[in-house]
PDB file of all heavy atoms in Angstrom:
ATOM      1  N   GLY A   1     -35.010 -23.482  -8.207  1.00  0.00           N
ATOM      2  CA  GLY A   1     -35.921 -24.570  -7.838  1.00  0.00           C
ATOM      3  C   GLY A   1     -35.321 -25.487  -6.781  1.00  0.00           C
ATOM      4  O   GLY A   1     -35.981 -25.827  -5.791  1.00  0.00           O
ATOM      5  N   LEU A   2     -34.067 -25.877  -6.978  1.00  0.00           N
ATOM      6  CA  LEU A   2     -33.418 -26.771  -6.013  1.00  0.00           C
ATOM      7  C   LEU A   2     -33.247 -26.089  -4.656  1.00  0.00           C
ATOM      8  O   LEU A   2     -33.519 -26.683  -3.609  1.00  0.00           O
ATOM      9  CB  LEU A   2     -32.062 -27.215  -6.565  1.00  0.00           C
ATOM     10  CG  LEU A   2     -31.227 -28.122  -5.656  1.00  0.00           C
ATOM     11  CD1 LEU A   2     -31.970 -29.408  -5.351  1.00  0.00           C
ATOM     12  CD2 LEU A   2     -29.869 -28.411  -6.289  1.00  0.00           C
ATOM     13  N   THR A   3     -32.794 -24.832  -4.672  1.00  0.00           N
ATOM     14  CA  THR A   3     -32.582 -24.121  -3.413  1.00  0.00           C
ATOM     15  C   THR A   3     -33.890 -23.936  -2.646  1.00  0.00           C
ATOM     16  O   THR A   3     -33.944 -24.129  -1.429  1.00  0.00           O
ATOM     17  CB  THR A   3     -31.934 -22.754  -3.686  1.00  0.00           C
ATOM     18  OG1 THR A   3     -30.741 -22.935  -4.450  1.00  0.00           O
ATOM     19  CG2 THR A   3     -31.593 -22.053  -2.382  1.00  0.00           C
ATOM     20  N   SER A   4     -34.950 -23.570  -3.351  1.00  0.00           N
ATOM     21  CA  SER A   4     -36.241 -23.359  -2.686  1.00  0.00           C
ATOM     22  C   SER A   4     -36.812 -24.676  -2.157  1.00  0.00           C
ATOM     23  O   SER A   4     -37.402 -24.705  -1.076  1.00  0.00           O
ATOM     24  CB  SER A   4     -37.226 -22.712  -3.662  1.00  0.00           C
ATOM     25  OG  SER A   4     -36.750 -21.465  -4.104  1.00  0.00           O
ATOM     26  N   PHE A   5     -36.645 -25.757  -2.913  1.00  0.00           N
ATOM     27  CA  PHE A   5     -37.109 -27.059  -2.440  1.00  0.00           C
ATOM     28  C   PHE A   5     -36.421 -27.443  -1.134  1.00  0.00           C
ATOM     29  O   PHE A   5     -37.072 -27.863  -0.160  1.00  0.00           O
ATOM     30  CB  PHE A   5     -36.849 -28.113  -3.513  1.00  0.00           C
ATOM     31  CG  PHE A   5     -37.169 -29.515  -3.076  1.00  0.00           C
ATOM     32  CD1 PHE A   5     -38.467 -29.984  -3.105  1.00  0.00           C
ATOM     33  CD2 PHE A   5     -36.161 -30.358  -2.626  1.00  0.00           C
ATOM     34  CE1 PHE A   5     -38.769 -31.273  -2.692  1.00  0.00           C
ATOM     35  CE2 PHE A   5     -36.439 -31.644  -2.214  1.00  0.00           C
ATOM     36  CZ  PHE A   5     -37.753 -32.109  -2.249  1.00  0.00           C
ATOM     37  N   LEU A   6     -35.108 -27.298  -1.096  1.00  0.00           N
ATOM     38  CA  LEU A   6     -34.369 -27.625   0.125  1.00  0.00           C
ATOM     39  C   LEU A   6     -34.737 -26.692   1.273  1.00  0.00           C
ATOM     40  O   LEU A   6     -34.796 -27.118   2.436  1.00  0.00           O
ATOM     41  CB  LEU A   6     -32.862 -27.555  -0.143  1.00  0.00           C
ATOM     42  CG  LEU A   6     -32.328 -28.571  -1.162  1.00  0.00           C
ATOM     43  CD1 LEU A   6     -30.842 -28.332  -1.413  1.00  0.00           C
ATOM     44  CD2 LEU A   6     -32.578 -29.987  -0.680  1.00  0.00           C
ATOM     45  N   LEU A   7     -35.014 -25.426   0.967  1.00  0.00           N
ATOM     46  CA  LEU A   7     -35.421 -24.493   2.013  1.00  0.00           C
ATOM     47  C   LEU A   7     -36.773 -24.870   2.586  1.00  0.00           C
ATOM     48  O   LEU A   7     -36.992 -24.793   3.805  1.00  0.00           O
ATOM     49  CB  LEU A   7     -35.451 -23.071   1.449  1.00  0.00           C
ATOM     50  CG  LEU A   7     -35.632 -21.937   2.454  1.00  0.00           C
ATOM     51  CD1 LEU A   7     -34.515 -21.947   3.493  1.00  0.00           C
ATOM     52  CD2 LEU A   7     -35.661 -20.590   1.738  1.00  0.00           C
ATOM     53  N   GLY A   8     -37.695 -25.294   1.713  1.00  0.00           N
ATOM     54  CA  GLY A   8     -38.983 -25.774   2.216  1.00  0.00           C
ATOM     55  C   GLY A   8     -38.838 -27.009   3.092  1.00  0.00           C
ATOM     56  O   GLY A   8     -39.523 -27.147   4.112  1.00  0.00           O
ATOM     57  N   VAL A   9     -37.927 -27.897   2.706  1.00  0.00           N
ATOM     58  CA  VAL A   9     -37.659 -29.084   3.535  1.00  0.00           C
ATOM     59  C   VAL A   9     -37.133 -28.668   4.900  1.00  0.00           C
ATOM     60  O   VAL A   9     -37.556 -29.206   5.943  1.00  0.00           O
ATOM     61  CB  VAL A   9     -36.656 -30.004   2.804  1.00  0.00           C
ATOM     62  CG1 VAL A   9     -36.158 -31.094   3.748  1.00  0.00           C
ATOM     63  CG2 VAL A   9     -37.301 -30.624   1.578  1.00  0.00           C
ATOM     64  N   VAL A  10     -36.204 -27.708   4.938  1.00  0.00           N
ATOM     65  CA  VAL A  10     -35.615 -27.262   6.204  1.00  0.00           C
ATOM     66  C   VAL A  10     -36.668 -26.612   7.094  1.00  0.00           C
ATOM     67  O   VAL A  10     -36.733 -26.887   8.301  1.00  0.00           O
ATOM     68  CB  VAL A  10     -34.453 -26.282   5.921  1.00  0.00           C
ATOM     69  CG1 VAL A  10     -33.982 -25.628   7.216  1.00  0.00           C
ATOM     70  CG2 VAL A  10     -33.300 -27.014   5.261  1.00  0.00           C
ATOM     71  N   VAL A  11     -37.506 -25.756   6.521  1.00  0.00           N
ATOM     72  CA  VAL A  11     -38.536 -25.081   7.318  1.00  0.00           C
ATOM     73  C   VAL A  11     -39.493 -26.100   7.929  1.00  0.00           C
ATOM     74  O   VAL A  11     -39.821 -26.039   9.127  1.00  0.00           O
ATOM     75  CB  VAL A  11     -39.297 -24.062   6.447  1.00  0.00           C
ATOM     76  CG1 VAL A  11     -40.517 -23.514   7.198  1.00  0.00           C
ATOM     77  CG2 VAL A  11     -38.390 -22.909   6.042  1.00  0.00           C
ATOM     78  N   ALA A  12     -39.945 -27.045   7.130  1.00  0.00           N
ATOM     79  CA  ALA A  12     -40.873 -28.057   7.645  1.00  0.00           C
ATOM     80  C   ALA A  12     -40.194 -28.961   8.667  1.00  0.00           C
ATOM     81  O   ALA A  12     -40.798 -29.334   9.683  1.00  0.00           O
ATOM     82  CB  ALA A  12     -41.432 -28.885   6.490  1.00  0.00           C
ATOM     83  N   TYR A  13     -38.943 -29.318   8.421  1.00  0.00           N
ATOM     84  CA  TYR A  13     -38.228 -30.201   9.342  1.00  0.00           C
ATOM     85  C   TYR A  13     -37.998 -29.528  10.692  1.00  0.00           C
ATOM     86  O   TYR A  13     -38.160 -30.160  11.747  1.00  0.00           O
ATOM     87  CB  TYR A  13     -36.894 -30.617   8.726  1.00  0.00           C
ATOM     88  CG  TYR A  13     -36.095 -31.546   9.602  1.00  0.00           C
ATOM     89  CD1 TYR A  13     -36.415 -32.902   9.676  1.00  0.00           C
ATOM     90  CD2 TYR A  13     -35.034 -31.070  10.363  1.00  0.00           C
ATOM     91  CE1 TYR A  13     -35.690 -33.755  10.485  1.00  0.00           C
ATOM     92  CE2 TYR A  13     -34.303 -31.916  11.172  1.00  0.00           C
ATOM     93  CZ  TYR A  13     -34.627 -33.261  11.235  1.00  0.00           C
ATOM     94  OH  TYR A  13     -33.910 -34.094  12.045  1.00  0.00           O
ATOM     95  N   GLN A  14     -37.625 -28.249  10.675  1.00  0.00           N
ATOM     96  CA  GLN A  14     -37.384 -27.542  11.926  1.00  0.00           C
ATOM     97  C   GLN A  14     -38.666 -27.361  12.721  1.00  0.00           C
ATOM     98  O   GLN A  14     -38.654 -27.371  13.956  1.00  0.00           O
ATOM     99  CB  GLN A  14     -36.752 -26.171  11.633  1.00  0.00           C
ATOM    100  CG  GLN A  14     -35.360 -26.245  11.039  1.00  0.00           C
ATOM    101  CD  GLN A  14     -34.353 -26.866  11.989  1.00  0.00           C
ATOM    102  OE1 GLN A  14     -34.452 -26.727  13.209  1.00  0.00           O
ATOM    103  NE2 GLN A  14     -33.380 -27.569  11.436  1.00  0.00           N
ATOM    104  N   GLY A  15     -39.780 -27.151  12.013  1.00  0.00           N
ATOM    105  CA  GLY A  15     -41.049 -26.984  12.719  1.00  0.00           C
ATOM    106  C   GLY A  15     -41.696 -28.288  13.130  1.00  0.00           C
ATOM    107  O   GLY A  15     -42.499 -28.318  14.081  1.00  0.00           O
ATOM    108  N   ALA A  16     -41.361 -29.376  12.441  1.00  0.00           N
ATOM    109  CA  ALA A  16     -42.026 -30.653  12.714  1.00  0.00           C
ATOM    110  C   ALA A  16     -41.776 -31.137  14.130  1.00  0.00           C
ATOM    111  O   ALA A  16     -42.690 -31.619  14.814  1.00  0.00           O
ATOM    112  CB  ALA A  16     -41.554 -31.700  11.701  1.00  0.00           C
ATOM    113  N   ASP A  17     -40.549 -31.015  14.597  1.00  0.00           N
ATOM    114  CA  ASP A  17     -40.211 -31.518  15.929  1.00  0.00           C
ATOM    115  C   ASP A  17     -40.984 -30.783  17.010  1.00  0.00           C
ATOM    116  O   ASP A  17     -41.488 -31.396  17.960  1.00  0.00           O
ATOM    117  CB  ASP A  17     -38.708 -31.375  16.153  1.00  0.00           C
ATOM    118  CG  ASP A  17     -38.256 -32.014  17.455  1.00  0.00           C
ATOM    119  OD1 ASP A  17     -38.576 -33.198  17.666  1.00  0.00           O
ATOM    120  OD2 ASP A  17     -37.607 -31.321  18.259  1.00  0.00           O
ATOM    121  N   GLN A  18     -41.091 -29.457  16.875  1.00  0.00           N
ATOM    122  CA  GLN A  18     -41.824 -28.684  17.883  1.00  0.00           C
ATOM    123  C   GLN A  18     -43.327 -28.924  17.796  1.00  0.00           C
ATOM    124  O   GLN A  18     -44.013 -29.045  18.823  1.00  0.00           O
ATOM    125  CB  GLN A  18     -41.530 -27.191  17.705  1.00  0.00           C
ATOM    126  CG  GLN A  18     -40.058 -26.828  17.860  1.00  0.00           C
ATOM    127  CD  GLN A  18     -39.535 -27.153  19.246  1.00  0.00           C
ATOM    128  OE1 GLN A  18     -40.238 -26.992  20.238  1.00  0.00           O
ATOM    129  NE2 GLN A  18     -38.296 -27.618  19.307  1.00  0.00           N
ATOM    130  N   LEU A  19     -43.858 -28.979  16.588  1.00  0.00           N
ATOM    131  CA  LEU A  19     -45.306 -29.178  16.433  1.00  0.00           C
ATOM    132  C   LEU A  19     -45.737 -30.554  16.926  1.00  0.00           C
ATOM    133  O   LEU A  19     -46.839 -30.719  17.459  1.00  0.00           O
ATOM    134  CB  LEU A  19     -45.683 -29.000  14.961  1.00  0.00           C
ATOM    135  CG  LEU A  19     -45.516 -27.583  14.393  1.00  0.00           C
ATOM    136  CD1 LEU A  19     -45.767 -27.583  12.894  1.00  0.00           C
ATOM    137  CD2 LEU A  19     -46.466 -26.615  15.084  1.00  0.00           C
ATOM    138  N   ARG A  20     -44.859 -31.561  16.772  1.00  0.00           N
ATOM    139  CA  ARG A  20     -45.201 -32.905  17.204  1.00  0.00           C
ATOM    140  C   ARG A  20     -45.379 -32.970  18.715  1.00  0.00           C
ATOM    141  O   ARG A  20     -46.225 -33.712  19.232  1.00  0.00           O
ATOM    142  CB  ARG A  20     -44.109 -33.886  16.754  1.00  0.00           C
ATOM    143  CG  ARG A  20     -44.505 -35.349  16.954  1.00  0.00           C
ATOM    144  CD  ARG A  20     -43.361 -36.297  16.620  1.00  0.00           C
ATOM    145  NE  ARG A  20     -42.947 -36.166  15.223  1.00  0.00           N
ATOM    146  CZ  ARG A  20     -41.801 -35.631  14.824  1.00  0.00           C
ATOM    147  NH1 ARG A  20     -40.946 -35.159  15.725  1.00  0.00           N
ATOM    148  NH2 ARG A  20     -41.492 -35.572  13.550  1.00  0.00           N
ATOM    149  N   HIS A  21     -44.602 -32.177  19.469  1.00  0.00           N
ATOM    150  CA  HIS A  21     -44.709 -32.188  20.929  1.00  0.00           C
ATOM    151  C   HIS A  21     -46.069 -31.695  21.401  1.00  0.00           C
ATOM    152  O   HIS A  21     -46.573 -32.130  22.444  1.00  0.00           O
ATOM    153  CB  HIS A  21     -43.609 -31.320  21.541  1.00  0.00           C
ATOM    154  CG  HIS A  21     -42.246 -31.933  21.439  1.00  0.00           C
ATOM    155  ND1 HIS A  21     -41.962 -33.214  21.869  1.00  0.00           N
ATOM    156  CD2 HIS A  21     -41.079 -31.440  20.951  1.00  0.00           C
ATOM    157  CE1 HIS A  21     -40.689 -33.483  21.651  1.00  0.00           C
ATOM    158  NE2 HIS A  21     -40.133 -32.422  21.085  1.00  0.00           N
ATOM    159  N   TYR A  22     -46.677 -30.780  20.679  1.00  0.00           N
ATOM    160  CA  TYR A  22     -47.949 -30.181  21.088  1.00  0.00           C
ATOM    161  C   TYR A  22     -49.140 -30.750  20.335  1.00  0.00           C
ATOM    162  O   TYR A  22     -50.263 -30.248  20.480  1.00  0.00           O
ATOM    163  CB  TYR A  22     -47.895 -28.660  20.883  1.00  0.00           C
ATOM    164  CG  TYR A  22     -46.812 -27.993  21.690  1.00  0.00           C
ATOM    165  CD1 TYR A  22     -45.602 -27.633  21.102  1.00  0.00           C
ATOM    166  CD2 TYR A  22     -46.977 -27.736  23.058  1.00  0.00           C
ATOM    167  CE1 TYR A  22     -44.596 -27.026  21.827  1.00  0.00           C
ATOM    168  CE2 TYR A  22     -45.973 -27.136  23.794  1.00  0.00           C
ATOM    169  CZ  TYR A  22     -44.791 -26.777  23.179  1.00  0.00           C
ATOM    170  OH  TYR A  22     -43.789 -26.170  23.904  1.00  0.00           O
ATOM    171  N   GLY A  23     -48.910 -31.766  19.538  1.00  0.00           N
ATOM    172  CA  GLY A  23     -50.001 -32.361  18.792  1.00  0.00           C
ATOM    173  C   GLY A  23     -50.593 -31.438  17.749  1.00  0.00           C
ATOM    174  O   GLY A  23     -51.782 -31.554  17.433  1.00  0.00           O
ATOM    175  N   ALA A  24     -49.793 -30.528  17.231  1.00  0.00           N
ATOM    176  CA  ALA A  24     -50.282 -29.542  16.259  1.00  0.00           C
ATOM    177  C   ALA A  24     -49.622 -29.782  14.911  1.00  0.00           C
ATOM    178  O   ALA A  24     -49.168 -28.843  14.248  1.00  0.00           O
ATOM    179  CB  ALA A  24     -50.009 -28.132  16.757  1.00  0.00           C
ATOM    180  N   ASN A  25     -49.596 -31.042  14.511  1.00  0.00           N
ATOM    181  CA  ASN A  25     -48.904 -31.382  13.271  1.00  0.00           C
ATOM    182  C   ASN A  25     -49.459 -30.635  12.067  1.00  0.00           C
ATOM    183  O   ASN A  25     -48.716 -30.238  11.170  1.00  0.00           O
ATOM    184  CB  ASN A  25     -49.010 -32.894  13.020  1.00  0.00           C
ATOM    185  CG  ASN A  25     -48.309 -33.696  14.083  1.00  0.00           C
ATOM    186  OD1 ASN A  25     -47.775 -33.141  15.046  1.00  0.00           O
ATOM    187  ND2 ASN A  25     -48.292 -35.005  13.925  1.00  0.00           N
ATOM    188  N   VAL A  26     -50.760 -30.439  12.060  1.00  0.00           N
ATOM    189  CA  VAL A  26     -51.397 -29.880  10.875  1.00  0.00           C
ATOM    190  C   VAL A  26     -50.992 -28.424  10.626  1.00  0.00           C
ATOM    191  O   VAL A  26     -51.063 -27.927   9.501  1.00  0.00           O
ATOM    192  CB  VAL A  26     -52.930 -29.995  11.002  1.00  0.00           C
ATOM    193  CG1 VAL A  26     -53.474 -29.000  12.036  1.00  0.00           C
ATOM    194  CG2 VAL A  26     -53.611 -29.790   9.661  1.00  0.00           C
TER     195      VAL A  26
END
């Protein structure tokens, strides 16, 4: 549970920066 939670955080964090540049947050 802990490992998967942190992995989900990492995936979203890595994608957030790129998606924010193109206005595709959703």
